[in-house]
Each structure stands twice: as C-alpha cells, then as structure tokens.
Amino acid sequence: MSYFLFFWQFFLLFLLILIPYSLFKLGYSNLDNNQKLIWCLIILLIPFFGGLAYLLVMRNKKIIK
C-alpha cells in the first residue's frame, strides 16, 4: 500500500512541476497567439501528456528572451 501512495504522490509532484514549467515556456515562445491558445488548452485539459508533448515537440524551437 505504501508503494502505491508513493507513486501517486510522486506523480502529483511531477504534474505540479510539469504544468507550470510548460506554460511558462509556452508564454515566452515565439508562436502565434492562436497556436499558444491551442497548446495552452492541450496542456491544461490533458495535463500529463499535453505537457510532455509540448516539451518534446517544441524543444528545438527558439524562445524570445
């Protein structure tokens, strides 16, 4: 039972870090506003897969500083 609890706590902690980090990187990307809105909805509606998908797909794109 404790392994099950540890897994879910680790998973929730990972999500608490992944979602804001993905949204932060999305905010500073040089995508169009429509593309940013679509990615934001994907990240928020499908948190685990949306955040990972954004980070994997957009990792080589340039970011406005």
N, C-alpha and C. Protein backbone atom coordinates (compact mmCIF):
# COMPACT_ATOMS: atom_id res chain seq x y z
N MET A 1 0.82 -1.20 0.00
CA MET A 1 0.00 0.00 0.00
C MET A 1 0.86 1.26 0.00
N SER A 2 1.99 1.24 0.68
CA SER A 2 2.82 2.44 0.75
C SER A 2 3.47 2.75 -0.60
N TYR A 3 3.76 1.71 -1.41
CA TYR A 3 4.33 1.96 -2.74
C TYR A 3 3.31 2.65 -3.64
N PHE A 4 2.07 2.25 -3.51
CA PHE A 4 1.00 2.86 -4.28
C PHE A 4 0.86 4.34 -3.93
N LEU A 5 0.89 4.65 -2.65
CA LEU A 5 0.79 6.03 -2.19
C LEU A 5 2.01 6.84 -2.65
N PHE A 6 3.19 6.24 -2.57
CA PHE A 6 4.41 6.92 -3.02
C PHE A 6 4.33 7.24 -4.51
N PHE A 7 3.84 6.30 -5.31
CA PHE A 7 3.71 6.51 -6.74
C PHE A 7 2.81 7.69 -7.04
N TRP A 8 1.64 7.77 -6.42
CA TRP A 8 0.71 8.86 -6.69
C TRP A 8 1.23 10.19 -6.19
N GLN A 9 1.91 10.20 -5.06
CA GLN A 9 2.49 11.44 -4.58
C GLN A 9 3.59 11.93 -5.52
N PHE A 10 4.41 11.03 -6.01
CA PHE A 10 5.45 11.38 -6.96
C PHE A 10 4.84 11.89 -8.26
N PHE A 11 3.79 11.22 -8.74
CA PHE A 11 3.11 11.61 -9.96
C PHE A 11 2.49 13.01 -9.82
N LEU A 12 1.84 13.30 -8.71
CA LEU A 12 1.25 14.61 -8.50
C LEU A 12 2.31 15.70 -8.36
N LEU A 13 3.41 15.39 -7.72
CA LEU A 13 4.50 16.35 -7.63
C LEU A 13 5.09 16.64 -9.00
N PHE A 14 5.23 15.60 -9.80
CA PHE A 14 5.72 15.77 -11.17
C PHE A 14 4.77 16.66 -11.96
N LEU A 15 3.46 16.47 -11.82
CA LEU A 15 2.49 17.30 -12.52
C LEU A 15 2.53 18.75 -12.03
N LEU A 16 2.72 18.94 -10.74
CA LEU A 16 2.79 20.29 -10.18
C LEU A 16 4.01 21.05 -10.70
N ILE A 17 5.01 20.35 -11.13
CA ILE A 17 6.18 20.99 -11.71
C ILE A 17 6.05 21.09 -13.22
N LEU A 18 5.54 20.05 -13.86
CA LEU A 18 5.47 19.99 -15.31
C LEU A 18 4.52 21.02 -15.90
N ILE A 19 3.34 21.17 -15.33
CA ILE A 19 2.34 22.07 -15.91
C ILE A 19 2.79 23.53 -15.88
N PRO A 20 3.20 24.08 -14.72
CA PRO A 20 3.65 25.48 -14.74
C PRO A 20 4.89 25.70 -15.61
N TYR A 21 5.81 24.73 -15.63
CA TYR A 21 7.00 24.86 -16.46
C TYR A 21 6.63 24.90 -17.94
N SER A 22 5.73 24.04 -18.36
CA SER A 22 5.29 24.02 -19.75
C SER A 22 4.59 25.33 -20.12
N LEU A 23 3.73 25.81 -19.24
CA LEU A 23 3.02 27.05 -19.51
C LEU A 23 3.97 28.24 -19.53
N PHE A 24 4.98 28.23 -18.67
CA PHE A 24 5.98 29.29 -18.64
C PHE A 24 6.76 29.32 -19.95
N LYS A 25 7.22 28.15 -20.41
CA LYS A 25 7.95 28.09 -21.68
C LYS A 25 7.05 28.47 -22.84
N LEU A 26 5.79 28.10 -22.76
CA LEU A 26 4.84 28.46 -23.81
C LEU A 26 4.64 29.97 -23.88
N GLY A 27 4.58 30.63 -22.73
CA GLY A 27 4.39 32.07 -22.70
C GLY A 27 5.51 32.84 -23.34
N TYR A 28 6.74 32.32 -23.26
CA TYR A 28 7.89 33.01 -23.83
C TYR A 28 8.28 32.49 -25.21
N SER A 29 7.48 31.60 -25.79
CA SER A 29 7.80 31.10 -27.12
C SER A 29 7.36 32.11 -28.17
N ASN A 30 7.86 31.95 -29.37
CA ASN A 30 7.52 32.87 -30.43
C ASN A 30 6.43 32.31 -31.35
N LEU A 31 5.50 31.58 -30.80
CA LEU A 31 4.37 31.06 -31.56
C LEU A 31 3.31 32.14 -31.73
N ASP A 32 2.44 31.94 -32.71
CA ASP A 32 1.30 32.85 -32.86
C ASP A 32 0.37 32.69 -31.66
N ASN A 33 -0.46 33.70 -31.43
CA ASN A 33 -1.38 33.64 -30.29
C ASN A 33 -2.36 32.48 -30.40
N ASN A 34 -2.80 32.16 -31.62
CA ASN A 34 -3.71 31.02 -31.80
C ASN A 34 -3.03 29.71 -31.44
N GLN A 35 -1.78 29.55 -31.85
CA GLN A 35 -1.05 28.34 -31.51
C GLN A 35 -0.80 28.25 -30.01
N LYS A 36 -0.50 29.39 -29.38
CA LYS A 36 -0.31 29.39 -27.93
C LYS A 36 -1.60 28.99 -27.21
N LEU A 37 -2.73 29.48 -27.69
CA LEU A 37 -4.02 29.13 -27.08
C LEU A 37 -4.29 27.64 -27.22
N ILE A 38 -4.03 27.08 -28.39
CA ILE A 38 -4.26 25.65 -28.59
C ILE A 38 -3.35 24.82 -27.69
N TRP A 39 -2.06 25.18 -27.61
CA TRP A 39 -1.14 24.45 -26.74
C TRP A 39 -1.54 24.60 -25.27
N CYS A 40 -1.99 25.79 -24.89
CA CYS A 40 -2.41 26.01 -23.51
C CYS A 40 -3.59 25.11 -23.16
N LEU A 41 -4.55 25.02 -24.05
CA LEU A 41 -5.71 24.15 -23.81
C LEU A 41 -5.30 22.69 -23.74
N ILE A 42 -4.39 22.29 -24.60
CA ILE A 42 -3.91 20.90 -24.56
C ILE A 42 -3.21 20.61 -23.25
N ILE A 43 -2.36 21.52 -22.81
CA ILE A 43 -1.62 21.33 -21.55
C ILE A 43 -2.56 21.28 -20.36
N LEU A 44 -3.59 22.13 -20.35
CA LEU A 44 -4.49 22.18 -19.21
C LEU A 44 -5.54 21.07 -19.22
N LEU A 45 -5.99 20.65 -20.39
CA LEU A 45 -7.03 19.62 -20.46
C LEU A 45 -6.47 18.20 -20.38
N ILE A 46 -5.26 18.01 -20.86
CA ILE A 46 -4.60 16.70 -20.79
C ILE A 46 -3.24 16.93 -20.13
N PRO A 47 -3.21 17.15 -18.83
CA PRO A 47 -2.00 17.66 -18.17
C PRO A 47 -0.73 16.85 -18.40
N PHE A 48 -0.76 15.57 -18.15
CA PHE A 48 0.48 14.80 -18.24
C PHE A 48 0.96 14.69 -19.68
N PHE A 49 0.10 14.24 -20.57
CA PHE A 49 0.50 14.05 -21.96
C PHE A 49 0.64 15.38 -22.70
N GLY A 50 -0.18 16.35 -22.36
CA GLY A 50 -0.08 17.65 -23.01
C GLY A 50 1.22 18.36 -22.68
N GLY A 51 1.60 18.35 -21.42
CA GLY A 51 2.86 18.98 -21.01
C GLY A 51 4.06 18.29 -21.62
N LEU A 52 4.06 16.97 -21.60
CA LEU A 52 5.17 16.23 -22.19
C LEU A 52 5.21 16.43 -23.70
N ALA A 53 4.07 16.41 -24.33
CA ALA A 53 4.02 16.61 -25.79
C ALA A 53 4.57 17.98 -26.16
N TYR A 54 4.18 19.01 -25.43
CA TYR A 54 4.69 20.35 -25.73
C TYR A 54 6.20 20.40 -25.57
N LEU A 55 6.70 19.87 -24.47
CA LEU A 55 8.15 19.94 -24.24
C LEU A 55 8.93 19.12 -25.26
N LEU A 56 8.39 18.00 -25.70
CA LEU A 56 9.10 17.19 -26.68
C LEU A 56 9.02 17.77 -28.08
N VAL A 57 7.85 18.28 -28.46
CA VAL A 57 7.68 18.81 -29.81
C VAL A 57 8.37 20.15 -29.97
N MET A 58 8.31 20.98 -28.98
CA MET A 58 8.81 22.35 -29.10
C MET A 58 10.20 22.54 -28.50
N ARG A 59 10.93 21.49 -28.20
CA ARG A 59 12.21 21.65 -27.52
C ARG A 59 13.28 22.33 -28.38
N ASN A 60 13.17 22.22 -29.69
CA ASN A 60 14.18 22.81 -30.57
C ASN A 60 13.76 24.16 -31.13
N LYS A 61 12.61 24.65 -30.74
CA LYS A 61 12.14 25.94 -31.24
C LYS A 61 12.80 27.06 -30.45
N LYS A 62 13.00 28.20 -31.11
CA LYS A 62 13.63 29.35 -30.45
C LYS A 62 12.65 30.03 -29.52
N ILE A 63 13.16 30.58 -28.45
CA ILE A 63 12.36 31.27 -27.45
C ILE A 63 12.76 32.74 -27.43
N ILE A 64 11.79 33.61 -27.37
CA ILE A 64 12.04 35.06 -27.27
C ILE A 64 12.49 35.36 -25.85
N LYS A 65 13.57 36.09 -25.71
CA LYS A 65 14.07 36.41 -24.37
C LYS A 65 13.81 37.85 -24.03
